[in-house]
N, C-alpha and C. Protein backbone atom coordinates (compact mmCIF):
# COMPACT_ATOMS: atom_id res chain seq x y z
N MET A 1 12.04 18.50 9.60
CA MET A 1 12.48 17.07 10.44
C MET A 1 12.71 16.15 9.22
N ALA A 2 13.76 15.43 9.33
CA ALA A 2 14.18 14.40 8.34
C ALA A 2 13.46 13.13 8.57
N ASN A 3 13.17 12.37 7.80
CA ASN A 3 12.61 11.05 7.81
C ASN A 3 13.62 10.12 8.07
N PRO A 4 13.48 9.02 8.92
CA PRO A 4 14.45 7.95 9.17
C PRO A 4 14.66 7.30 7.86
N GLN A 5 15.95 6.69 7.51
CA GLN A 5 16.17 6.13 6.32
C GLN A 5 15.22 4.96 5.98
N GLY A 6 14.89 4.97 4.83
CA GLY A 6 13.86 4.04 4.39
C GLY A 6 12.35 4.41 4.67
N LYS A 7 11.96 5.30 5.35
CA LYS A 7 10.78 5.70 5.80
C LYS A 7 10.31 6.79 4.97
N TYR A 8 8.88 6.75 4.66
CA TYR A 8 8.45 7.83 3.73
C TYR A 8 7.07 8.09 4.24
N ALA A 9 6.63 9.27 3.80
CA ALA A 9 5.16 9.81 4.13
C ALA A 9 4.77 10.62 2.96
N TRP A 10 3.53 10.25 2.46
CA TRP A 10 2.90 11.13 1.45
C TRP A 10 1.60 11.42 1.70
N THR A 11 0.77 12.42 1.04
CA THR A 11 -0.60 12.48 1.15
C THR A 11 -1.14 12.11 -0.19
N ALA A 12 -2.53 11.97 -0.22
CA ALA A 12 -3.26 11.74 -1.33
C ALA A 12 -4.66 12.24 -1.07
N THR A 13 -5.30 12.80 -2.12
CA THR A 13 -6.53 13.34 -2.05
C THR A 13 -7.74 12.19 -2.68
N VAL A 14 -8.55 11.98 -2.01
CA VAL A 14 -9.69 11.11 -2.47
C VAL A 14 -10.81 11.97 -3.24
N GLY A 15 -10.89 11.39 -4.46
CA GLY A 15 -11.72 12.04 -5.44
C GLY A 15 -13.21 11.80 -5.09
N GLU A 16 -14.05 12.51 -5.92
CA GLU A 16 -15.67 12.12 -5.80
C GLU A 16 -15.98 10.66 -5.98
N LYS A 17 -15.30 9.89 -6.74
CA LYS A 17 -15.59 8.53 -6.82
C LYS A 17 -14.87 7.55 -6.09
N GLY A 18 -14.09 8.16 -5.03
CA GLY A 18 -13.41 7.40 -3.98
C GLY A 18 -12.04 7.03 -4.40
N GLN A 19 -11.52 7.44 -5.56
CA GLN A 19 -10.15 7.06 -6.13
C GLN A 19 -9.24 7.89 -5.61
N ILE A 20 -8.05 7.50 -5.35
CA ILE A 20 -6.78 8.20 -4.89
C ILE A 20 -5.76 8.06 -5.91
N VAL A 21 -4.88 9.12 -5.74
CA VAL A 21 -3.65 9.11 -6.83
C VAL A 21 -2.47 8.89 -5.94
N ILE A 22 -1.75 7.95 -6.15
CA ILE A 22 -0.57 7.56 -5.54
C ILE A 22 0.58 8.49 -6.07
N PRO A 23 1.15 9.26 -5.27
CA PRO A 23 2.22 10.20 -5.74
C PRO A 23 3.38 9.41 -6.47
N LYS A 24 3.81 10.27 -7.66
CA LYS A 24 4.79 9.76 -8.55
C LYS A 24 5.97 9.01 -7.80
N GLN A 25 6.72 9.78 -6.82
CA GLN A 25 7.77 9.30 -6.06
C GLN A 25 7.41 7.89 -5.30
N ALA A 26 6.21 7.74 -4.87
CA ALA A 26 5.82 6.46 -4.35
C ALA A 26 5.68 5.34 -5.48
N ARG A 27 5.07 5.89 -6.51
CA ARG A 27 4.98 4.76 -7.52
C ARG A 27 6.26 4.39 -8.08
N GLU A 28 7.23 5.23 -8.37
CA GLU A 28 8.43 4.77 -8.76
C GLU A 28 9.11 3.99 -7.67
N LEU A 29 9.21 4.36 -6.45
CA LEU A 29 9.92 3.63 -5.45
C LEU A 29 9.43 2.28 -5.38
N PHE A 30 8.08 2.10 -5.54
CA PHE A 30 7.52 0.60 -5.39
C PHE A 30 7.07 -0.01 -6.58
N ASN A 31 7.62 0.57 -7.59
CA ASN A 31 7.45 -0.11 -8.90
C ASN A 31 5.83 -0.36 -9.34
N ILE A 32 4.98 0.78 -9.03
CA ILE A 32 3.59 0.52 -9.18
C ILE A 32 3.28 1.15 -10.65
N HIS A 33 2.61 0.56 -11.38
CA HIS A 33 2.22 0.87 -12.75
C HIS A 33 0.63 0.81 -12.99
N PRO A 34 0.23 1.54 -14.05
CA PRO A 34 -1.18 1.59 -14.31
C PRO A 34 -1.64 0.07 -14.59
N GLY A 35 -2.79 -0.36 -14.07
CA GLY A 35 -3.39 -1.58 -14.14
C GLY A 35 -2.83 -2.59 -13.13
N ASP A 36 -1.66 -2.28 -12.37
CA ASP A 36 -1.44 -3.10 -11.21
C ASP A 36 -2.48 -3.34 -10.22
N THR A 37 -2.54 -4.43 -9.40
CA THR A 37 -3.56 -4.51 -8.40
C THR A 37 -2.66 -4.23 -6.97
N LEU A 38 -3.48 -3.53 -6.21
CA LEU A 38 -2.88 -3.27 -4.89
C LEU A 38 -3.80 -4.04 -3.91
N LEU A 39 -3.27 -4.40 -2.75
CA LEU A 39 -3.91 -4.84 -1.55
C LEU A 39 -3.90 -3.90 -0.42
N LEU A 40 -5.12 -3.53 -0.05
CA LEU A 40 -5.36 -2.50 0.92
C LEU A 40 -5.76 -3.34 2.24
N LEU A 41 -4.93 -3.19 3.23
CA LEU A 41 -5.20 -3.69 4.71
C LEU A 41 -5.79 -2.59 5.50
N GLY A 42 -6.84 -2.98 6.32
CA GLY A 42 -7.41 -2.00 7.14
C GLY A 42 -7.50 -2.32 8.60
N ASP A 43 -7.15 -1.60 9.52
CA ASP A 43 -7.26 -1.66 11.12
C ASP A 43 -8.01 -0.45 11.45
N GLU A 44 -9.08 -0.59 12.11
CA GLU A 44 -9.88 0.75 12.72
C GLU A 44 -8.98 1.47 13.58
N GLN A 45 -8.03 1.01 14.41
CA GLN A 45 -7.32 1.73 15.14
C GLN A 45 -5.87 2.03 14.46
N LEU A 46 -5.27 1.26 13.72
CA LEU A 46 -4.05 1.61 13.07
C LEU A 46 -4.08 2.20 11.70
N GLY A 47 -5.14 2.14 10.96
CA GLY A 47 -5.38 2.78 9.70
C GLY A 47 -5.22 1.74 8.50
N ILE A 48 -4.94 2.44 7.34
CA ILE A 48 -4.86 1.65 6.13
C ILE A 48 -3.41 1.42 5.82
N ALA A 49 -3.02 0.14 5.30
CA ALA A 49 -1.50 -0.07 4.78
C ALA A 49 -1.79 -0.62 3.40
N ILE A 50 -0.80 -0.22 2.47
CA ILE A 50 -0.89 -0.93 1.18
C ILE A 50 0.57 -1.56 1.05
N PRO A 51 0.57 -2.89 1.32
CA PRO A 51 1.89 -3.63 1.15
C PRO A 51 2.29 -3.83 -0.28
N PRO A 52 3.70 -4.02 -0.33
CA PRO A 52 4.15 -4.42 -1.69
C PRO A 52 3.85 -5.52 -2.32
N GLN A 53 3.45 -5.71 -3.58
CA GLN A 53 2.85 -6.76 -4.24
C GLN A 53 3.63 -8.06 -3.95
N ALA A 54 5.04 -7.88 -3.83
CA ALA A 54 5.85 -9.16 -3.54
C ALA A 54 5.65 -9.76 -2.30
N GLN A 55 4.85 -9.19 -1.45
CA GLN A 55 4.61 -9.65 -0.15
C GLN A 55 3.10 -10.24 -0.08
N PHE A 56 2.35 -10.20 -1.03
CA PHE A 56 1.01 -10.67 -0.97
C PHE A 56 0.87 -12.20 -0.62
N GLU A 57 1.74 -12.96 -1.10
CA GLU A 57 1.69 -14.54 -0.73
C GLU A 57 1.98 -14.72 0.80
N GLU A 58 2.92 -14.03 1.23
CA GLU A 58 3.44 -13.99 2.60
C GLU A 58 2.37 -13.57 3.67
N ILE A 59 1.65 -12.48 3.19
CA ILE A 59 0.60 -11.86 4.06
C ILE A 59 -0.62 -12.83 4.12
N TYR A 60 -0.95 -13.45 2.88
CA TYR A 60 -2.12 -14.33 2.70
C TYR A 60 -1.99 -15.52 3.62
N THR A 61 -0.65 -16.17 3.46
CA THR A 61 -0.36 -17.17 4.43
C THR A 61 -0.33 -16.92 5.88
N LYS A 62 0.07 -15.78 6.23
CA LYS A 62 -0.09 -15.47 7.74
C LYS A 62 -1.43 -15.19 8.12
N ILE A 63 -2.34 -14.73 7.24
CA ILE A 63 -3.79 -14.41 7.72
C ILE A 63 -4.55 -15.68 7.57
N PHE A 64 -4.35 -16.53 6.48
CA PHE A 64 -5.32 -17.64 6.24
C PHE A 64 -4.57 -18.98 6.51
N GLY A 65 -3.31 -18.87 6.98
CA GLY A 65 -2.72 -20.11 7.26
C GLY A 65 -2.41 -21.02 5.98
N GLY A 66 -2.17 -20.44 4.87
CA GLY A 66 -1.94 -21.25 3.66
C GLY A 66 -2.97 -21.94 3.10
N GLN A 67 -4.27 -21.71 3.73
CA GLN A 67 -5.54 -22.32 3.08
C GLN A 67 -6.12 -21.46 1.99
N GLY A 68 -6.26 -22.21 0.89
CA GLY A 68 -6.83 -21.17 -0.23
C GLY A 68 -7.19 -21.94 -1.48
């Protein structure tokens, strides 16, 4: 089954220390490099999301109303 355009799915294994490895294709697609900071958002019903770093400020504003 083909993915819809612009939609991707990968798997990652969690190591003993709780670390995950982001697949190479995902790192290249989203310009993720060693030392980068990632934001993880969690919802008990929907799961975990890792939004692009370029959206941090927008997400922060939506959650905290620009207070910071």
